[in-house]
Amino acid sequence: MSASEGPMPGRTVEVRVPATSANLGPGFDTLGLALSMYDELEVTALEPGVYEFDISGSGAEEIARDASNLVIRSIAHVFADAGVTMPGIRLIARNGVPHGRGLGSSGAAVAAGVLAAQGLLKGIVELDDDALLRLATELEGHPDNVAPALFGGLTIAWTAERGPQHKKLLVHRGVSPLVLVPGYTMSTKAARSLQPEHVPSEDAVFNVSRSALLIAALTQSPDVLLDATDDRLHQDYRAPAMPETNRLVRALRAEGFAAVVSGAGPSVLVLCDGPGSRLEAVRVAESATDTPWIPQMVAVDVRGGTVRERAEGSSSQS
């Protein structure tokens, strides 16, 4: 079957996607939280085969400027799935999500591409939330980062026979996230290579109990966040690859802060109970390791990724 005709050249959509922190301690490959740091993109359909790029912000120097670009590949994946001819693309990207720091930069790129495709295909093929999550998961490999990037808030993600699924929950207003970002990066692939194929059953049971408690802590009872963020499945195994991150997490937890490795690291996420608590956590971080940590006092993003068509003749987002 031949592909359907794609969007007219010149059609432009504006996309905004949040950073995410996956795992949250015990919720390995299952839990994710959307945070108020953003990638902002302007995507314009061009004649097929033509690609133009204007990329700035985090990781801009290393990002591909051809058809292998992750946003472009994500758009192409959606168009191929829909059976529509892939247009050329002009991509203007302002990357506010730190790259290689465990804050979901690849998931944000995938989510941005899928949402851009949804906007470009409007009126040609309609994509619902289930389709967006399926397509993004096919690209990312697992849904724990792309689900909060797409939908915002706290998400529980899982895979059923009908495909990847998610449940979005609202986070208790008493939870104040703090992200501590180091100057160095960590490869997600390298971090995953340290994960054992089998773990003791008592550790699995421990994490099941903590994951259940974490849902209650984040939505109803922030007072139990320290216990709820304890983990035995992945953080200790990955610690040798990022000793400064491990040292900071242990120092913060010793002072009563619910600190965890953000995603695959090396950033640290601290789930505080208020602005004053965040300031104290920053003070601990300043003295706990030899590594300088950039504190980011963020909010939980509740909207997730957004896409809108830019009217012809209007100015682009700043």
Protein backbone atom coordinates (compact mmCIF):
# COMPACT_ATOMS: atom_id res chain seq x y z
CA MET A 1 0.00 0.00 0.00
CA SER A 2 1.41 3.39 -0.97
CA ALA A 3 1.89 6.09 1.65
CA SER A 4 -0.68 8.83 2.04
CA GLU A 5 0.26 12.43 1.31
CA GLY A 6 1.84 14.23 4.25
CA PRO A 7 1.39 17.76 5.64
CA MET A 8 1.83 20.80 3.43
CA PRO A 9 5.30 22.38 3.51
CA GLY A 10 5.31 25.30 5.91
CA ARG A 11 3.06 23.73 8.51
CA THR A 12 4.67 24.46 11.90
CA VAL A 13 4.06 23.10 15.38
CA GLU A 14 5.53 24.18 18.71
CA VAL A 15 6.35 21.47 21.24
CA ARG A 16 7.35 21.66 24.91
CA VAL A 17 8.36 18.62 26.95
CA PRO A 18 9.53 18.33 30.58
CA ALA A 19 12.51 16.63 32.12
CA THR A 20 11.76 13.41 33.97
CA SER A 21 13.27 11.45 36.82
CA ALA A 22 12.72 7.70 36.59
CA ASN A 23 12.85 4.96 39.25
CA LEU A 24 12.52 7.34 42.25
CA GLY A 25 14.47 4.83 44.30
CA PRO A 26 12.57 1.54 44.45
CA GLY A 27 10.33 1.92 41.36
CA PHE A 28 12.88 0.55 38.88
CA ASP A 29 11.66 0.87 35.25
CA THR A 30 8.16 1.59 36.56
CA LEU A 31 7.84 5.00 38.23
CA GLY A 32 8.61 8.39 36.74
CA LEU A 33 8.13 12.02 37.72
CA ALA A 34 7.86 15.02 35.36
CA LEU A 35 9.93 18.04 36.43
CA SER A 36 9.78 21.71 35.43
CA MET A 37 12.82 21.85 33.14
CA TYR A 38 11.92 21.89 29.47
CA ASP A 39 13.00 21.29 25.90
CA GLU A 40 11.19 23.67 23.55
CA LEU A 41 11.01 22.93 19.84
CA GLU A 42 9.61 24.44 16.68
CA VAL A 43 9.08 21.87 13.92
CA THR A 44 8.22 22.87 10.36
CA ALA A 45 7.33 20.54 7.49
CA LEU A 46 9.53 20.99 4.41
CA GLU A 47 9.80 19.22 1.07
CA PRO A 48 10.71 15.53 1.59
CA GLY A 49 14.41 14.89 2.12
CA VAL A 50 15.27 18.41 3.27
CA TYR A 51 16.52 18.91 6.84
CA GLU A 52 17.46 22.16 8.57
CA PHE A 53 18.63 22.54 12.15
CA ASP A 54 19.01 25.29 14.74
CA ILE A 55 19.85 23.65 18.06
CA SER A 56 21.03 25.32 21.26
CA GLY A 57 21.21 24.53 24.96
CA SER A 58 22.28 21.35 26.70
CA GLY A 59 24.15 18.86 24.53
CA ALA A 60 23.79 21.01 21.41
CA GLU A 61 27.36 20.34 20.24
CA GLU A 62 26.90 16.55 20.19
CA ILE A 63 23.39 16.38 18.69
CA ALA A 64 23.12 14.99 15.15
CA ARG A 65 22.03 17.41 12.46
CA ASP A 66 20.77 14.95 9.87
CA ALA A 67 18.11 12.25 9.55
CA SER A 68 19.70 10.32 12.44
CA ASN A 69 18.68 13.06 14.92
CA LEU A 70 16.52 11.42 17.61
CA VAL A 71 13.67 13.91 17.25
CA ILE A 72 13.68 13.40 13.47
CA ARG A 73 13.80 9.60 13.85
CA SER A 74 10.87 9.79 16.26
CA ILE A 75 8.82 11.87 13.83
CA ALA A 76 9.71 9.44 11.02
CA HIS A 77 8.65 6.47 13.16
CA VAL A 78 5.20 7.96 13.69
CA PHE A 79 4.76 8.82 10.01
CA ALA A 80 5.83 5.32 8.96
CA ASP A 81 3.41 3.78 11.47
CA ALA A 82 0.62 5.97 10.11
CA GLY A 83 1.47 5.17 6.50
CA VAL A 84 2.01 8.83 5.62
CA THR A 85 4.87 10.24 3.54
CA MET A 86 7.57 11.71 5.78
CA PRO A 87 8.18 15.40 5.04
CA GLY A 88 11.47 17.19 5.35
CA ILE A 89 11.87 18.98 8.67
CA ARG A 90 13.18 22.29 9.94
CA LEU A 91 13.99 21.75 13.62
CA ILE A 92 14.59 24.64 16.00
CA ALA A 93 15.36 23.26 19.46
CA ARG A 94 16.16 24.99 22.75
CA ASN A 95 17.27 22.22 25.11
CA GLY A 96 16.68 22.94 28.79
CA VAL A 97 16.79 19.29 29.89
CA PRO A 98 20.40 18.42 30.89
CA HIS A 99 21.88 15.73 28.65
CA GLY A 100 23.49 12.60 30.06
CA ARG A 101 22.52 13.44 33.63
CA GLY A 102 19.68 10.98 34.37
CA LEU A 103 16.93 13.51 33.71
CA GLY A 104 15.29 11.87 30.71
CA SER A 105 16.87 13.82 27.85
CA SER A 106 16.46 10.96 25.38
CA GLY A 107 12.91 10.33 26.56
CA ALA A 108 12.19 14.04 26.14
CA ALA A 109 13.54 13.95 22.58
CA VAL A 110 11.41 10.93 21.74
CA ALA A 111 8.31 12.46 23.35
CA ALA A 112 8.95 15.72 21.51
CA GLY A 113 9.23 13.93 18.18
CA VAL A 114 6.07 11.91 18.73
CA LEU A 115 4.13 15.01 19.78
CA ALA A 116 5.50 17.00 16.83
CA ALA A 117 4.33 14.24 14.50
CA GLN A 118 0.90 14.29 16.16
CA GLY A 119 0.67 18.01 15.48
CA LEU A 120 1.89 17.76 11.89
CA LEU A 121 -0.54 14.91 11.20
CA LYS A 122 -3.59 16.67 12.65
CA GLY A 123 -6.43 16.42 10.16
CA ILE A 124 -4.63 13.59 8.34
CA VAL A 125 -4.26 10.93 11.07
CA GLU A 126 -5.42 11.38 14.65
CA LEU A 127 -3.24 9.95 17.45
CA ASP A 128 -4.67 9.34 20.94
CA ASP A 129 -2.73 8.97 24.20
CA ASP A 130 -2.44 5.19 23.84
CA ALA A 131 -0.90 5.57 20.39
CA LEU A 132 1.52 8.24 21.61
CA LEU A 133 2.73 6.04 24.47
CA ARG A 134 3.02 2.95 22.24
CA LEU A 135 5.04 4.77 19.61
CA ALA A 136 7.30 6.49 22.13
CA THR A 137 7.92 3.22 23.99
CA GLU A 138 8.82 1.44 20.74
CA LEU A 139 11.56 4.02 20.29
CA GLU A 140 12.74 4.38 23.90
CA GLY A 141 12.50 0.70 24.85
CA HIS A 142 10.60 1.18 28.12
CA PRO A 143 7.87 3.62 29.16
CA ASP A 144 9.09 4.93 32.55
CA ASN A 145 10.61 8.13 31.10
CA VAL A 146 8.36 8.77 28.13
CA ALA A 147 5.12 8.39 30.12
CA PRO A 148 5.77 11.37 32.46
CA ALA A 149 7.31 13.35 29.58
CA LEU A 150 4.10 12.90 27.60
CA PHE A 151 1.52 13.15 30.37
CA GLY A 152 3.15 14.91 33.32
CA GLY A 153 2.86 14.29 37.06
CA LEU A 154 3.78 11.02 38.72
CA THR A 155 3.27 8.08 36.40
CA ILE A 156 3.16 4.34 36.92
CA ALA A 157 4.05 2.59 33.66
CA TRP A 158 3.70 -1.06 32.74
CA THR A 159 3.32 -3.28 29.70
CA ALA A 160 0.22 -5.39 29.15
CA GLU A 161 -0.87 -7.61 26.26
CA ARG A 162 -2.51 -4.57 24.67
CA GLY A 163 0.78 -2.66 24.86
CA PRO A 164 2.39 -0.11 27.20
CA GLN A 165 0.05 1.49 29.73
CA HIS A 166 0.28 4.28 32.27
CA LYS A 167 -1.55 5.74 35.24
CA LYS A 168 -1.02 9.41 36.06
CA LEU A 169 -1.25 10.51 39.70
CA LEU A 170 -1.17 13.96 41.28
CA VAL A 171 1.67 14.58 43.71
CA HIS A 172 0.97 15.90 47.22
CA ARG A 173 1.50 19.66 47.34
CA GLY A 174 3.91 19.22 50.26
CA VAL A 175 6.50 17.51 48.04
CA SER A 176 9.23 19.91 46.83
CA PRO A 177 11.70 18.33 44.39
CA LEU A 178 15.35 19.34 44.29
CA VAL A 179 17.70 18.14 41.56
CA LEU A 180 21.46 18.22 42.13
CA VAL A 181 23.26 18.11 38.79
CA PRO A 182 27.01 17.38 38.49
CA GLY A 183 29.28 18.55 35.71
CA TYR A 184 29.96 15.04 34.43
CA THR A 185 27.69 12.66 32.50
CA MET A 186 26.75 9.00 32.75
CA SER A 187 25.71 6.65 29.97
CA THR A 188 22.39 4.93 30.60
CA LYS A 189 23.70 1.89 28.71
CA ALA A 190 26.77 1.75 30.94
CA ALA A 191 24.65 2.06 34.08
CA ARG A 192 22.32 -0.72 32.94
CA SER A 193 25.28 -3.01 32.21
CA LEU A 194 26.03 -3.09 35.95
CA GLN A 195 22.58 -4.43 36.77
CA PRO A 196 22.56 -8.17 37.64
CA GLU A 197 20.17 -10.48 35.84
CA HIS A 198 19.00 -11.99 39.14
CA VAL A 199 18.53 -10.50 42.61
CA PRO A 200 17.78 -12.15 45.98
CA SER A 201 14.08 -12.71 46.59
CA GLU A 202 14.22 -10.76 49.85
CA ASP A 203 15.51 -7.73 47.92
CA ALA A 204 12.66 -8.06 45.42
CA VAL A 205 10.13 -8.21 48.26
CA PHE A 206 11.80 -5.21 49.90
CA ASN A 207 11.41 -3.13 46.75
CA VAL A 208 7.81 -4.20 46.20
CA SER A 209 6.95 -2.94 49.68
CA ARG A 210 8.87 0.32 49.22
CA SER A 211 7.34 0.98 45.80
CA ALA A 212 3.86 0.59 47.23
CA LEU A 213 4.76 2.86 50.13
CA LEU A 214 6.26 5.41 47.72
CA ILE A 215 2.94 5.85 45.92
CA ALA A 216 1.30 6.62 49.26
CA ALA A 217 4.15 8.94 50.26
CA LEU A 218 4.07 10.97 47.06
CA THR A 219 0.29 11.28 46.88
CA GLN A 220 -0.82 11.34 50.53
CA SER A 221 1.90 11.05 53.17
CA PRO A 222 5.20 12.87 52.44
CA ASP A 223 6.30 12.19 56.02
CA VAL A 224 7.29 8.63 55.03
CA LEU A 225 9.32 9.56 51.95
CA LEU A 226 12.67 8.60 53.49
CA ASP A 227 11.63 4.99 54.08
CA ALA A 228 9.63 4.92 50.84
CA THR A 229 12.62 5.82 48.65
CA ASP A 230 14.91 3.06 49.93
CA ASP A 231 16.10 0.65 47.25
CA ARG A 232 17.97 -2.64 46.91
CA LEU A 233 17.54 -3.43 43.20
CA HIS A 234 19.75 -1.05 41.26
CA GLN A 235 21.43 1.87 43.06
CA ASP A 236 24.02 -0.12 45.01
CA TYR A 237 24.98 -2.13 41.91
CA ARG A 238 25.58 1.07 39.94
CA ALA A 239 27.37 2.91 42.74
CA PRO A 240 30.95 1.98 41.67
CA ALA A 241 30.39 3.76 38.34
CA MET A 242 29.44 7.04 40.04
CA PRO A 243 31.04 7.16 43.49
CA GLU A 244 30.38 10.88 44.03
CA THR A 245 26.68 10.38 43.35
CA ASN A 246 26.59 7.45 45.76
CA ARG A 247 28.43 9.46 48.41
CA LEU A 248 25.99 12.35 48.09
CA VAL A 249 22.91 10.12 48.25
CA ARG A 250 24.22 8.46 51.41
CA ALA A 251 25.13 11.79 53.02
CA LEU A 252 21.70 13.26 52.33
CA ARG A 253 19.85 10.17 53.54
CA ALA A 254 21.93 10.14 56.72
CA GLU A 255 20.58 13.64 57.37
CA GLY A 256 16.99 12.50 56.82
CA PHE A 257 16.52 13.61 53.21
CA ALA A 258 14.72 11.35 50.71
CA ALA A 259 17.55 11.34 48.16
CA VAL A 260 17.82 8.92 45.23
CA VAL A 261 19.78 8.55 42.02
CA SER A 262 17.80 10.27 39.27
CA GLY A 263 17.21 7.74 36.53
CA ALA A 264 20.51 6.14 35.55
CA GLY A 265 22.40 9.05 37.15
CA PRO A 266 24.58 10.83 37.88
CA SER A 267 22.14 13.54 39.06
CA VAL A 268 20.54 13.20 42.48
CA LEU A 269 16.85 13.81 43.12
CA VAL A 270 15.81 14.90 46.61
CA LEU A 271 12.12 14.79 47.49
CA CYS A 272 11.90 17.48 50.15
CA ASP A 273 8.97 18.60 52.27
CA GLY A 274 9.27 22.33 51.63
CA PRO A 275 11.48 25.21 50.43
CA GLY A 276 13.40 25.41 53.73
CA SER A 277 14.20 21.73 53.54
CA ARG A 278 15.54 22.16 50.02
CA LEU A 279 17.92 24.89 51.16
CA GLU A 280 19.25 22.64 53.91
CA ALA A 281 19.72 19.79 51.41
CA VAL A 282 21.77 22.14 49.21
CA ARG A 283 23.99 22.97 52.19
CA VAL A 284 24.57 19.25 52.81
CA ALA A 285 25.46 18.78 49.14
CA GLU A 286 28.00 21.60 49.27
CA SER A 287 30.01 19.83 51.96
CA ALA A 288 29.34 16.14 51.26
CA THR A 289 31.58 15.51 48.22
CA ASP A 290 34.42 17.03 46.22
CA THR A 291 32.13 17.39 43.20
CA PRO A 292 30.32 20.71 42.67
CA TRP A 293 26.59 20.16 42.34
CA ILE A 294 24.30 22.63 40.57
CA PRO A 295 21.03 22.81 42.53
CA GLN A 296 17.81 23.03 40.52
CA MET A 297 14.77 23.81 42.67
CA VAL A 298 12.06 22.51 40.40
CA ALA A 299 8.35 21.81 40.60
CA VAL A 300 6.42 18.74 39.55
CA ASP A 301 5.20 19.37 36.02
CA VAL A 302 1.52 18.43 35.86
CA ARG A 303 0.82 19.06 32.16
CA GLY A 304 3.40 16.93 30.44
CA GLY A 305 4.29 17.52 26.80
CA THR A 306 2.27 20.03 24.82
CA VAL A 307 1.93 20.66 21.09
CA ARG A 308 0.21 23.46 19.25
CA GLU A 309 0.09 24.57 15.66
CA ARG A 310 1.62 27.97 15.01
CA ALA A 311 -0.62 30.19 12.96
CA GLU A 312 0.91 31.42 9.72
CA GLY A 313 2.65 34.74 10.21
CA SER A 314 2.90 34.52 14.02
CA SER A 315 6.27 34.76 15.76
CA SER A 316 7.95 31.67 17.17
CA GLN A 317 8.34 30.98 20.89
CA SER A 318 11.29 32.56 22.62
